[in-house]
Amino acid sequence: MGHVVATDRDVFDPELATLMDFSVSQEDGVHFMYVRHSARSGRFVESTFFTTKRLPLATYERAIGAHLRDAMVSQTGASSRASKARSR
């Protein structure tokens, strides 16, 4: 499952893509994210799981949300309750 993420200004490097990022949680099975260019002000972010059963849609939504929050924190240097909780 994936989402197109758009911004009001050009914030994405059109030369940069993330393929098969396995640094995400593996709690629900083999899991990776990828981020590809869709526009200078947008990206397509997808969460992929390899499992023996179909996962609820909410699992994908949570994974994409967490990935986007972590990306925002790393780009801005800001802290968030979610990233602090996961690092414990």
PDB file of N, CA and C in Angstrom:
ATOM      1  N   MET A   1       0.838  -1.163   0.000  1.00  0.00           N
ATOM      2  CA  MET A   1       0.000   0.000   0.000  1.00  0.00           C
ATOM      3  C   MET A   1       0.886   1.231   0.000  1.00  0.00           C
ATOM      4  N   GLY A   2       0.440   2.281  -0.656  1.00  0.00           N
ATOM      5  CA  GLY A   2       1.246   3.491  -0.708  1.00  0.00           C
ATOM      6  C   GLY A   2       0.401   4.741  -0.704  1.00  0.00           C
ATOM      7  N   HIS A   3       1.093   5.853  -0.503  1.00  0.00           N
ATOM      8  CA  HIS A   3       0.462   7.173  -0.508  1.00  0.00           C
ATOM      9  C   HIS A   3       1.318   8.139  -1.310  1.00  0.00           C
ATOM     10  N   VAL A   4       0.672   9.045  -2.010  1.00  0.00           N
ATOM     11  CA  VAL A   4       1.379  10.166  -2.604  1.00  0.00           C
ATOM     12  C   VAL A   4       1.407  11.255  -1.548  1.00  0.00           C
ATOM     13  N   VAL A   5       2.599  11.735  -1.238  1.00  0.00           N
ATOM     14  CA  VAL A   5       2.782  12.780  -0.246  1.00  0.00           C
ATOM     15  C   VAL A   5       3.180  14.042  -0.987  1.00  0.00           C
ATOM     16  N   ALA A   6       2.393  15.091  -0.832  1.00  0.00           N
ATOM     17  CA  ALA A   6       2.650  16.358  -1.517  1.00  0.00           C
ATOM     18  C   ALA A   6       2.920  17.456  -0.497  1.00  0.00           C
ATOM     19  N   THR A   7       3.722  18.427  -0.909  1.00  0.00           N
ATOM     20  CA  THR A   7       4.024  19.575  -0.063  1.00  0.00           C
ATOM     21  C   THR A   7       3.696  20.859  -0.821  1.00  0.00           C
ATOM     22  N   ASP A   8       3.639  21.953  -0.092  1.00  0.00           N
ATOM     23  CA  ASP A   8       3.333  23.246  -0.702  1.00  0.00           C
ATOM     24  C   ASP A   8       4.505  23.838  -1.468  1.00  0.00           C
ATOM     25  N   ARG A   9       5.707  23.315  -1.217  1.00  0.00           N
ATOM     26  CA  ARG A   9       6.901  23.838  -1.887  1.00  0.00           C
ATOM     27  C   ARG A   9       7.808  22.683  -2.298  1.00  0.00           C
ATOM     28  N   ASP A  10       8.782  22.975  -3.123  1.00  0.00           N
ATOM     29  CA  ASP A  10       9.717  21.946  -3.587  1.00  0.00           C
ATOM     30  C   ASP A  10      10.681  21.592  -2.457  1.00  0.00           C
ATOM     31  N   VAL A  11      10.491  20.432  -1.865  1.00  0.00           N
ATOM     32  CA  VAL A  11      11.358  20.026  -0.756  1.00  0.00           C
ATOM     33  C   VAL A  11      12.090  18.720  -1.045  1.00  0.00           C
ATOM     34  N   PHE A  12      11.717  18.038  -2.105  1.00  0.00           N
ATOM     35  CA  PHE A  12      12.307  16.742  -2.401  1.00  0.00           C
ATOM     36  C   PHE A  12      13.382  16.855  -3.474  1.00  0.00           C
ATOM     37  N   ASP A  13      14.446  16.132  -3.302  1.00  0.00           N
ATOM     38  CA  ASP A  13      15.503  16.054  -4.302  1.00  0.00           C
ATOM     39  C   ASP A  13      15.044  15.094  -5.393  1.00  0.00           C
ATOM     40  N   PRO A  14      14.884  15.557  -6.645  1.00  0.00           N
ATOM     41  CA  PRO A  14      14.385  14.681  -7.710  1.00  0.00           C
ATOM     42  C   PRO A  14      15.358  13.560  -8.076  1.00  0.00           C
ATOM     43  N   GLU A  15      16.592  13.662  -7.619  1.00  0.00           N
ATOM     44  CA  GLU A  15      17.602  12.642  -7.907  1.00  0.00           C
ATOM     45  C   GLU A  15      17.654  11.545  -6.840  1.00  0.00           C
ATOM     46  N   LEU A  16      16.869  11.690  -5.779  1.00  0.00           N
ATOM     47  CA  LEU A  16      16.960  10.779  -4.644  1.00  0.00           C
ATOM     48  C   LEU A  16      15.740   9.867  -4.565  1.00  0.00           C
ATOM     49  N   ALA A  17      15.989   8.578  -4.398  1.00  0.00           N
ATOM     50  CA  ALA A  17      14.935   7.588  -4.171  1.00  0.00           C
ATOM     51  C   ALA A  17      15.426   6.636  -3.089  1.00  0.00           C
ATOM     52  N   THR A  18      14.505   6.066  -2.353  1.00  0.00           N
ATOM     53  CA  THR A  18      14.845   5.062  -1.343  1.00  0.00           C
ATOM     54  C   THR A  18      14.213   3.752  -1.778  1.00  0.00           C
ATOM     55  N   LEU A  19      15.046   2.755  -1.993  1.00  0.00           N
ATOM     56  CA  LEU A  19      14.550   1.449  -2.430  1.00  0.00           C
ATOM     57  C   LEU A  19      14.803   0.403  -1.362  1.00  0.00           C
ATOM     58  N   MET A  20      13.774  -0.320  -1.018  1.00  0.00           N
ATOM     59  CA  MET A  20      13.862  -1.444  -0.082  1.00  0.00           C
ATOM     60  C   MET A  20      14.583  -1.074   1.221  1.00  0.00           C
ATOM     61  N   ASP A  21      14.023  -0.116   1.922  1.00  0.00           N
ATOM     62  CA  ASP A  21      14.554   0.313   3.212  1.00  0.00           C
ATOM     63  C   ASP A  21      14.052  -0.646   4.285  1.00  0.00           C
ATOM     64  N   PHE A  22      14.929  -1.544   4.726  1.00  0.00           N
ATOM     65  CA  PHE A  22      14.580  -2.546   5.733  1.00  0.00           C
ATOM     66  C   PHE A  22      14.811  -2.053   7.159  1.00  0.00           C
ATOM     67  N   SER A  23      15.137  -0.776   7.329  1.00  0.00           N
ATOM     68  CA  SER A  23      15.403  -0.267   8.680  1.00  0.00           C
ATOM     69  C   SER A  23      14.118  -0.030   9.471  1.00  0.00           C
ATOM     70  N   VAL A  24      12.980  -0.344   8.889  1.00  0.00           N
ATOM     71  CA  VAL A  24      11.685  -0.197   9.554  1.00  0.00           C
ATOM     72  C   VAL A  24      11.374  -1.434  10.397  1.00  0.00           C
ATOM     73  N   SER A  25      10.338  -1.350  11.196  1.00  0.00           N
ATOM     74  CA  SER A  25       9.959  -2.465  12.068  1.00  0.00           C
ATOM     75  C   SER A  25       9.706  -3.743  11.265  1.00  0.00           C
ATOM     76  N   GLN A  26      10.181  -4.858  11.794  1.00  0.00           N
ATOM     77  CA  GLN A  26       9.966  -6.169  11.187  1.00  0.00           C
ATOM     78  C   GLN A  26       8.985  -6.997  12.029  1.00  0.00           C
ATOM     79  N   GLU A  27       8.285  -6.313  12.923  1.00  0.00           N
ATOM     80  CA  GLU A  27       7.379  -6.959  13.878  1.00  0.00           C
ATOM     81  C   GLU A  27       6.271  -7.780  13.217  1.00  0.00           C
ATOM     82  N   ASP A  28       5.752  -7.313  12.074  1.00  0.00           N
ATOM     83  CA  ASP A  28       4.629  -7.997  11.425  1.00  0.00           C
ATOM     84  C   ASP A  28       5.041  -8.860  10.240  1.00  0.00           C
ATOM     85  N   GLY A  29       6.332  -9.104  10.084  1.00  0.00           N
ATOM     86  CA  GLY A  29       6.836  -9.892   8.963  1.00  0.00           C
ATOM     87  C   GLY A  29       7.943  -9.138   8.255  1.00  0.00           C
ATOM     88  N   VAL A  30       8.484  -9.733   7.204  1.00  0.00           N
ATOM     89  CA  VAL A  30       9.523  -9.056   6.426  1.00  0.00           C
ATOM     90  C   VAL A  30       8.892  -7.798   5.835  1.00  0.00           C
ATOM     91  N   HIS A  31       9.516  -6.661   6.116  1.00  0.00           N
ATOM     92  CA  HIS A  31       8.883  -5.372   5.795  1.00  0.00           C
ATOM     93  C   HIS A  31       9.929  -4.401   5.266  1.00  0.00           C
ATOM     94  N   PHE A  32       9.569  -3.682   4.217  1.00  0.00           N
ATOM     95  CA  PHE A  32      10.421  -2.602   3.752  1.00  0.00           C
ATOM     96  C   PHE A  32       9.568  -1.473   3.201  1.00  0.00           C
ATOM     97  N   MET A  33      10.199  -0.312   3.118  1.00  0.00           N
ATOM     98  CA  MET A  33       9.559   0.882   2.572  1.00  0.00           C
ATOM     99  C   MET A  33      10.320   1.289   1.328  1.00  0.00           C
ATOM    100  N   TYR A  34       9.626   1.922   0.416  1.00  0.00           N
ATOM    101  CA  TYR A  34      10.343   2.609  -0.632  1.00  0.00           C
ATOM    102  C   TYR A  34       9.674   3.928  -0.920  1.00  0.00           C
ATOM    103  N   VAL A  35      10.502   4.863  -1.355  1.00  0.00           N
ATOM    104  CA  VAL A  35      10.050   6.219  -1.644  1.00  0.00           C
ATOM    105  C   VAL A  35      10.564   6.566  -3.025  1.00  0.00           C
ATOM    106  N   ARG A  36       9.652   6.936  -3.911  1.00  0.00           N
ATOM    107  CA  ARG A  36      10.086   7.297  -5.263  1.00  0.00           C
ATOM    108  C   ARG A  36       9.500   8.641  -5.661  1.00  0.00           C
ATOM    109  N   HIS A  37      10.158   9.245  -6.588  1.00  0.00           N
ATOM    110  CA  HIS A  37       9.802  10.570  -7.099  1.00  0.00           C
ATOM    111  C   HIS A  37       8.439  10.527  -7.776  1.00  0.00           C
ATOM    112  N   SER A  38       7.581  11.483  -7.449  1.00  0.00           N
ATOM    113  CA  SER A  38       6.340  11.651  -8.202  1.00  0.00           C
ATOM    114  C   SER A  38       6.228  13.086  -8.708  1.00  0.00           C
ATOM    115  N   ALA A  39       6.889  14.009  -8.030  1.00  0.00           N
ATOM    116  CA  ALA A  39       6.959  15.418  -8.439  1.00  0.00           C
ATOM    117  C   ALA A  39       7.976  16.090  -7.521  1.00  0.00           C
ATOM    118  N   ARG A  40       8.440  17.287  -7.894  1.00  0.00           N
ATOM    119  CA  ARG A  40       9.398  17.976  -7.026  1.00  0.00           C
ATOM    120  C   ARG A  40       8.795  18.277  -5.664  1.00  0.00           C
ATOM    121  N   SER A  41       7.497  18.418  -5.635  1.00  0.00           N
ATOM    122  CA  SER A  41       6.846  18.689  -4.355  1.00  0.00           C
ATOM    123  C   SER A  41       6.077  17.459  -3.857  1.00  0.00           C
ATOM    124  N   GLY A  42       6.441  16.276  -4.345  1.00  0.00           N
ATOM    125  CA  GLY A  42       5.737  15.078  -3.908  1.00  0.00           C
ATOM    126  C   GLY A  42       6.548  13.812  -4.062  1.00  0.00           C
ATOM    127  N   ARG A  43       6.140  12.820  -3.323  1.00  0.00           N
ATOM    128  CA  ARG A  43       6.771  11.497  -3.362  1.00  0.00           C
ATOM    129  C   ARG A  43       5.689  10.434  -3.206  1.00  0.00           C
ATOM    130  N   PHE A  44       5.964   9.260  -3.762  1.00  0.00           N
ATOM    131  CA  PHE A  44       5.117   8.098  -3.536  1.00  0.00           C
ATOM    132  C   PHE A  44       5.821   7.258  -2.486  1.00  0.00           C
ATOM    133  N   VAL A  45       5.160   7.004  -1.374  1.00  0.00           N
ATOM    134  CA  VAL A  45       5.732   6.248  -0.262  1.00  0.00           C
ATOM    135  C   VAL A  45       4.942   4.953  -0.141  1.00  0.00           C
ATOM    136  N   GLU A  46       5.642   3.821  -0.214  1.00  0.00           N
ATOM    137  CA  GLU A  46       4.961   2.526  -0.140  1.00  0.00           C
ATOM    138  C   GLU A  46       5.547   1.657   0.951  1.00  0.00           C
ATOM    139  N   SER A  47       4.655   0.946   1.620  1.00  0.00           N
ATOM    140  CA  SER A  47       5.007  -0.029   2.644  1.00  0.00           C
ATOM    141  C   SER A  47       4.706  -1.417   2.080  1.00  0.00           C
ATOM    142  N   THR A  48       5.709  -2.284   2.108  1.00  0.00           N
ATOM    143  CA  THR A  48       5.553  -3.641   1.570  1.00  0.00           C
ATOM    144  C   THR A  48       5.880  -4.667   2.654  1.00  0.00           C
ATOM    145  N   PHE A  49       5.003  -5.633   2.822  1.00  0.00           N
ATOM    146  CA  PHE A  49       5.212  -6.730   3.773  1.00  0.00           C
ATOM    147  C   PHE A  49       5.198  -8.051   3.020  1.00  0.00           C
ATOM    148  N   PHE A  50       6.073  -8.964   3.416  1.00  0.00           N
ATOM    149  CA  PHE A  50       6.006 -10.343   2.953  1.00  0.00           C
ATOM    150  C   PHE A  50       5.584 -11.177   4.157  1.00  0.00           C
ATOM    151  N   THR A  51       4.369 -11.701   4.103  1.00  0.00           N
ATOM    152  CA  THR A  51       3.818 -12.468   5.217  1.00  0.00           C
ATOM    153  C   THR A  51       3.030 -13.655   4.669  1.00  0.00           C
ATOM    154  N   THR A  52       2.669 -14.557   5.551  1.00  0.00           N
ATOM    155  CA  THR A  52       1.855 -15.704   5.150  1.00  0.00           C
ATOM    156  C   THR A  52       0.366 -15.385   5.179  1.00  0.00           C
ATOM    157  N   LYS A  53       0.019 -14.230   5.772  1.00  0.00           N
ATOM    158  CA  LYS A  53      -1.394 -13.829   5.826  1.00  0.00           C
ATOM    159  C   LYS A  53      -1.518 -12.358   5.428  1.00  0.00           C
ATOM    160  N   ARG A  54      -2.688 -11.997   4.973  1.00  0.00           N
ATOM    161  CA  ARG A  54      -2.950 -10.613   4.615  1.00  0.00           C
ATOM    162  C   ARG A  54      -3.066  -9.777   5.885  1.00  0.00           C
ATOM    163  N   LEU A  55      -2.364  -8.667   5.910  1.00  0.00           N
ATOM    164  CA  LEU A  55      -2.395  -7.789   7.080  1.00  0.00           C
ATOM    165  C   LEU A  55      -3.513  -6.760   6.954  1.00  0.00           C
ATOM    166  N   PRO A  56      -4.021  -6.290   8.093  1.00  0.00           N
ATOM    167  CA  PRO A  56      -5.051  -5.246   8.047  1.00  0.00           C
ATOM    168  C   PRO A  56      -4.494  -3.967   7.417  1.00  0.00           C
ATOM    169  N   LEU A  57      -5.337  -3.246   6.732  1.00  0.00           N
ATOM    170  CA  LEU A  57      -4.954  -1.992   6.103  1.00  0.00           C
ATOM    171  C   LEU A  57      -4.320  -1.030   7.109  1.00  0.00           C
ATOM    172  N   ALA A  58      -4.795  -1.045   8.332  1.00  0.00           N
ATOM    173  CA  ALA A  58      -4.272  -0.160   9.378  1.00  0.00           C
ATOM    174  C   ALA A  58      -2.786  -0.396   9.644  1.00  0.00           C
ATOM    175  N   THR A  59      -2.303  -1.619   9.444  1.00  0.00           N
ATOM    176  CA  THR A  59      -0.886  -1.923   9.637  1.00  0.00           C
ATOM    177  C   THR A  59      -0.044  -1.136   8.650  1.00  0.00           C
ATOM    178  N   TYR A  60      -0.485  -1.077   7.405  1.00  0.00           N
ATOM    179  CA  TYR A  60       0.233  -0.324   6.372  1.00  0.00           C
ATOM    180  C   TYR A  60       0.174   1.177   6.669  1.00  0.00           C
ATOM    181  N   GLU A  61      -1.001   1.640   7.074  1.00  0.00           N
ATOM    182  CA  GLU A  61      -1.170   3.056   7.392  1.00  0.00           C
ATOM    183  C   GLU A  61      -0.234   3.478   8.516  1.00  0.00           C
ATOM    184  N   ARG A  62      -0.159   2.660   9.569  1.00  0.00           N
ATOM    185  CA  ARG A  62       0.733   2.970  10.691  1.00  0.00           C
ATOM    186  C   ARG A  62       2.189   2.988  10.244  1.00  0.00           C
ATOM    187  N   ALA A  63       2.570   2.025   9.421  1.00  0.00           N
ATOM    188  CA  ALA A  63       3.957   1.936   8.955  1.00  0.00           C
ATOM    189  C   ALA A  63       4.338   3.159   8.123  1.00  0.00           C
ATOM    190  N   ILE A  64       3.465   3.580   7.238  1.00  0.00           N
ATOM    191  CA  ILE A  64       3.740   4.757   6.401  1.00  0.00           C
ATOM    192  C   ILE A  64       3.800   6.010   7.273  1.00  0.00           C
ATOM    193  N   GLY A  65       2.864   6.143   8.196  1.00  0.00           N
ATOM    194  CA  GLY A  65       2.867   7.293   9.103  1.00  0.00           C
ATOM    195  C   GLY A  65       4.144   7.366   9.926  1.00  0.00           C
ATOM    196  N   ALA A  66       4.578   6.240  10.465  1.00  0.00           N
ATOM    197  CA  ALA A  66       5.805   6.208  11.263  1.00  0.00           C
ATOM    198  C   ALA A  66       7.012   6.567  10.409  1.00  0.00           C
ATOM    199  N   HIS A  67       7.057   6.046   9.196  1.00  0.00           N
ATOM    200  CA  HIS A  67       8.176   6.336   8.295  1.00  0.00           C
ATOM    201  C   HIS A  67       8.234   7.833   7.973  1.00  0.00           C
ATOM    202  N   LEU A  68       7.084   8.425   7.693  1.00  0.00           N
ATOM    203  CA  LEU A  68       7.045   9.857   7.380  1.00  0.00           C
ATOM    204  C   LEU A  68       7.430  10.704   8.590  1.00  0.00           C
ATOM    205  N   ARG A  69       6.947  10.331   9.775  1.00  0.00           N
ATOM    206  CA  ARG A  69       7.329  11.070  10.995  1.00  0.00           C
ATOM    207  C   ARG A  69       8.831  10.997  11.220  1.00  0.00           C
ATOM    208  N   ASP A  70       9.397   9.797  11.075  1.00  0.00           N
ATOM    209  CA  ASP A  70      10.835   9.630  11.266  1.00  0.00           C
ATOM    210  C   ASP A  70      11.625  10.445  10.248  1.00  0.00           C
ATOM    211  N   ALA A  71      11.155  10.482   9.008  1.00  0.00           N
ATOM    212  CA  ALA A  71      11.834  11.261   7.967  1.00  0.00           C
ATOM    213  C   ALA A  71      11.787  12.748   8.297  1.00  0.00           C
ATOM    214  N   MET A  72      10.647  13.224   8.781  1.00  0.00           N
ATOM    215  CA  MET A  72      10.517  14.645   9.138  1.00  0.00           C
ATOM    216  C   MET A  72      11.430  14.988  10.302  1.00  0.00           C
ATOM    217  N   VAL A  73      11.499  14.104  11.282  1.00  0.00           N
ATOM    218  CA  VAL A  73      12.356  14.340  12.443  1.00  0.00           C
ATOM    219  C   VAL A  73      13.815  14.386  12.010  1.00  0.00           C
ATOM    220  N   SER A  74      14.237  13.468  11.148  1.00  0.00           N
ATOM    221  CA  SER A  74      15.638  13.444  10.740  1.00  0.00           C
ATOM    222  C   SER A  74      15.986  14.646   9.864  1.00  0.00           C
ATOM    223  N   GLN A  75      15.052  15.137   9.058  1.00  0.00           N
ATOM    224  CA  GLN A  75      15.321  16.296   8.204  1.00  0.00           C
ATOM    225  C   GLN A  75      15.323  17.602   8.976  1.00  0.00           C
ATOM    226  N   THR A  76      14.487  17.718   9.986  1.00  0.00           N
ATOM    227  CA  THR A  76      14.357  18.987  10.702  1.00  0.00           C
ATOM    228  C   THR A  76      15.164  19.023  11.992  1.00  0.00           C
ATOM    229  N   GLY A  77      15.582  17.856  12.473  1.00  0.00           N
ATOM    230  CA  GLY A  77      16.286  17.803  13.740  1.00  0.00           C
ATOM    231  C   GLY A  77      15.342  17.934  14.925  1.00  0.00           C
ATOM    232  N   ALA A  78      14.043  17.953  14.640  1.00  0.00           N
ATOM    233  CA  ALA A  78      13.041  18.082  15.706  1.00  0.00           C
ATOM    234  C   ALA A  78      12.898  16.757  16.432  1.00  0.00           C
ATOM    235  N   SER A  79      12.318  16.803  17.582  1.00  0.00           N
ATOM    236  CA  SER A  79      12.045  15.571  18.306  1.00  0.00           C
ATOM    237  C   SER A  79      10.552  15.320  18.282  1.00  0.00           C
ATOM    238  N   SER A  80      10.195  14.067  18.443  1.00  0.00           N
ATOM    239  CA  SER A  80       8.779  13.730  18.524  1.00  0.00           C
ATOM    240  C   SER A  80       8.598  12.649  19.565  1.00  0.00           C
ATOM    241  N   ARG A  81       7.434  12.623  20.171  1.00  0.00           N
ATOM    242  CA  ARG A  81       7.124  11.608  21.165  1.00  0.00           C
ATOM    243  C   ARG A  81       7.227  10.219  20.551  1.00  0.00           C
ATOM    244  N   ALA A  82       6.775  10.068  19.297  1.00  0.00           N
ATOM    245  CA  ALA A  82       6.789   8.753  18.642  1.00  0.00           C
ATOM    246  C   ALA A  82       8.203   8.250  18.444  1.00  0.00           C
ATOM    247  N   SER A  83       9.096   9.101  17.971  1.00  0.00           N
ATOM    248  CA  SER A  83      10.462   8.632  17.729  1.00  0.00           C
ATOM    249  C   SER A  83      11.183   8.339  19.040  1.00  0.00           C
ATOM    250  N   LYS A  84      10.916   9.113  20.082  1.00  0.00           N
ATOM    251  CA  LYS A  84      11.543   8.862  21.385  1.00  0.00           C
ATOM    252  C   LYS A  84      11.043   7.547  21.966  1.00  0.00           C
ATOM    253  N   ALA A  85       9.757   7.246  21.820  1.00  0.00           N
ATOM    254  CA  ALA A  85       9.202   6.012  22.366  1.00  0.00           C
ATOM    255  C   ALA A  85       9.803   4.800  21.665  1.00  0.00           C
ATOM    256  N   ARG A  86      10.011   4.871  20.351  1.00  0.00           N
ATOM    257  CA  ARG A  86      10.564   3.737  19.620  1.00  0.00           C
ATOM    258  C   ARG A  86      12.032   3.503  19.941  1.00  0.00           C
ATOM    259  N   SER A  87      12.737   4.541  20.363  1.00  0.00           N
ATOM    260  CA  SER A  87      14.163   4.383  20.612  1.00  0.00           C
ATOM    261  C   SER A  87      14.463   3.786  21.978  1.00  0.00           C
ATOM    262  N   ARG A  88      13.451   3.625  22.816  1.00  0.00           N
ATOM    263  CA  ARG A  88      13.671   3.067  24.167  1.00  0.00           C
ATOM    264  C   ARG A  88      13.850   1.584  24.133  1.00  0.00           C
TER     265      ARG A  88
END
